Amino acid sequence: MAAFIVEGVAESAYDDEAPRQYRAGETLQDRPDVPHTLFRNCDPERPLRFLTIYALEPGRAYATEP
């Protein structure tokens, strides 16, 4: 999964790493090997808009059951 920041400023962190900010025009690449511990809008004055992009193998479901 990738998230393209369309508008605003997002803050994201994985596992015990320090949060990183992503601004409009930047892309955040998901890291499936570690827990995603933070994703938030860090600008109280403007909305955060982002586009998520998923690439799946043919025939594979988007969600899995535990």
Protein backbone atom coordinates (compact mmCIF):
# COMPACT_ATOMS: atom_id res chain seq x y z
CA MET A 1 0.00 0.00 0.00
CA ALA A 2 1.10 3.51 -0.73
CA ALA A 3 -0.53 6.77 0.32
CA PHE A 4 -0.16 9.89 -1.79
CA ILE A 5 -0.70 13.07 0.24
CA VAL A 6 -3.04 15.28 -1.78
CA GLU A 7 -3.53 18.08 0.74
CA GLY A 8 -2.32 18.88 4.24
CA VAL A 9 0.38 17.34 6.41
CA ALA A 10 0.33 13.75 7.67
CA GLU A 11 2.45 12.32 10.43
CA SER A 12 3.25 8.62 10.39
CA ALA A 13 5.38 6.24 12.43
CA TYR A 14 6.25 2.56 12.46
CA ASP A 15 7.16 0.43 15.47
CA ASP A 16 9.38 2.47 17.84
CA GLU A 17 10.71 4.84 15.16
CA ALA A 18 10.27 8.59 15.46
CA PRO A 19 7.27 10.04 13.56
CA ARG A 20 7.90 11.54 10.13
CA GLN A 21 5.84 14.21 8.38
CA TYR A 22 4.60 13.92 4.81
CA ARG A 23 3.37 16.97 2.91
CA ALA A 24 1.21 17.43 -0.18
CA GLY A 25 2.90 15.80 -3.17
CA GLU A 26 4.82 13.22 -1.12
CA THR A 27 4.17 9.49 -0.95
CA LEU A 28 4.17 7.26 2.11
CA GLN A 29 5.05 3.60 1.48
CA ASP A 30 3.49 1.11 3.89
CA ARG A 31 5.85 -1.27 5.69
CA PRO A 32 4.09 -4.59 6.25
CA ASP A 33 7.00 -6.02 8.26
CA VAL A 34 6.49 -3.72 11.28
CA PRO A 35 3.44 -2.35 13.15
CA HIS A 36 2.09 0.98 11.90
CA THR A 37 1.79 2.88 15.19
CA LEU A 38 0.74 6.38 14.09
CA PHE A 39 -1.05 8.10 11.23
CA ARG A 40 -2.63 11.49 11.83
CA ASN A 41 -3.39 14.93 10.49
CA CYS A 42 -0.98 17.29 12.23
CA ASP A 43 -2.46 20.55 10.94
CA PRO A 44 -5.53 21.61 12.97
CA GLU A 45 -6.31 24.38 10.47
CA ARG A 46 -6.49 22.28 7.27
CA PRO A 47 -7.91 18.92 6.32
CA LEU A 48 -5.71 15.98 5.42
CA ARG A 49 -6.59 14.37 2.11
CA PHE A 50 -4.74 11.33 0.85
CA LEU A 51 -5.14 8.67 -1.80
CA THR A 52 -4.35 5.08 -0.91
CA ILE A 53 -3.11 2.75 -3.62
CA TYR A 54 -3.15 -1.03 -3.26
CA ALA A 55 -1.58 -3.54 -5.63
CA LEU A 56 -2.94 -7.06 -5.26
CA GLU A 57 -2.13 -10.32 -6.96
CA PRO A 58 -4.89 -11.46 -9.33
CA GLY A 59 -7.57 -13.34 -7.40
CA ARG A 60 -6.24 -12.30 -3.98
CA ALA A 61 -8.69 -10.69 -1.56
CA TYR A 62 -8.12 -7.21 -0.17
CA ALA A 63 -8.79 -8.36 3.41
CA THR A 64 -7.90 -11.61 5.12
CA GLU A 65 -9.65 -13.40 7.95
CA PRO A 66 -7.71 -14.19 11.13
